[in-house]
Amino acid sequence: MKRIDAIAIAAEEAEQLEALLVCNIGYPSRELFAVHDRLGNFYMLGSMGMASSIGLGLALARPERRVIVLDGDGSVLMNLGTLATIANYGPENYLLVILDNCSYGSTGCQPTCTAMRTDLASAASGVGVEDVREVSGPQELREALNGHGVVLAKVEPGNADVPIIPLSPDEIIARFMERCAPRGPRS
């Protein structure tokens, strides 16, 4: 499965669930913007490794809202401690989807440790995440998006040919905060 296809599936599900969707930096955010831009998407810029933590904080602060995070294997490797924090807080409204393409896609597709021996699903289980699933196809991903915990989605290396997001950081946060507001508009 291509990463952009996995992102499109997650975006569709987030729309159906009226979930907030936090997306990893670089190409994943650009791909999400290209396939399904909406106010409930938060596009990370320049904070590699922090999407999972930002999403977890959001889920803890807004327990009535569903939060889905799309992160990359390279980013999770930069912030492995987030898996332990997810395990210890384990909110039912939070799902981390690790899009594992075994590479640092936004910096030239250099291999990550998941291309060798590192297994992020085992790492998540090892630190205590109770609900860890591994998926490799579209239908498995659709089913997993209704859960909580961590989903490791195997995707092909490579980036889609999509434009840069035409929004400033201030515009991205303002739109997202509008959607996060308790009585904010829906979209």
Foldseek 3Di string as FASTA:
>chain_A
DALLVLLLLLLVVCQVQVAQEEEAAAQRLLSNCVNPDDLSYFYDYDDQLCQLVVQVVLCVVCVVHAYEYEHEPVSCVVPVVSLLVCQVVVRWRAEYEYAYQQAPQRPPGDGDCVVPPDDVLVSSVVSHQPDEEEEEDSVVSNVPSVGHTYYYYYHHHYGDPGDDPPDDNVRSVVSNVQSSDPPHDGD
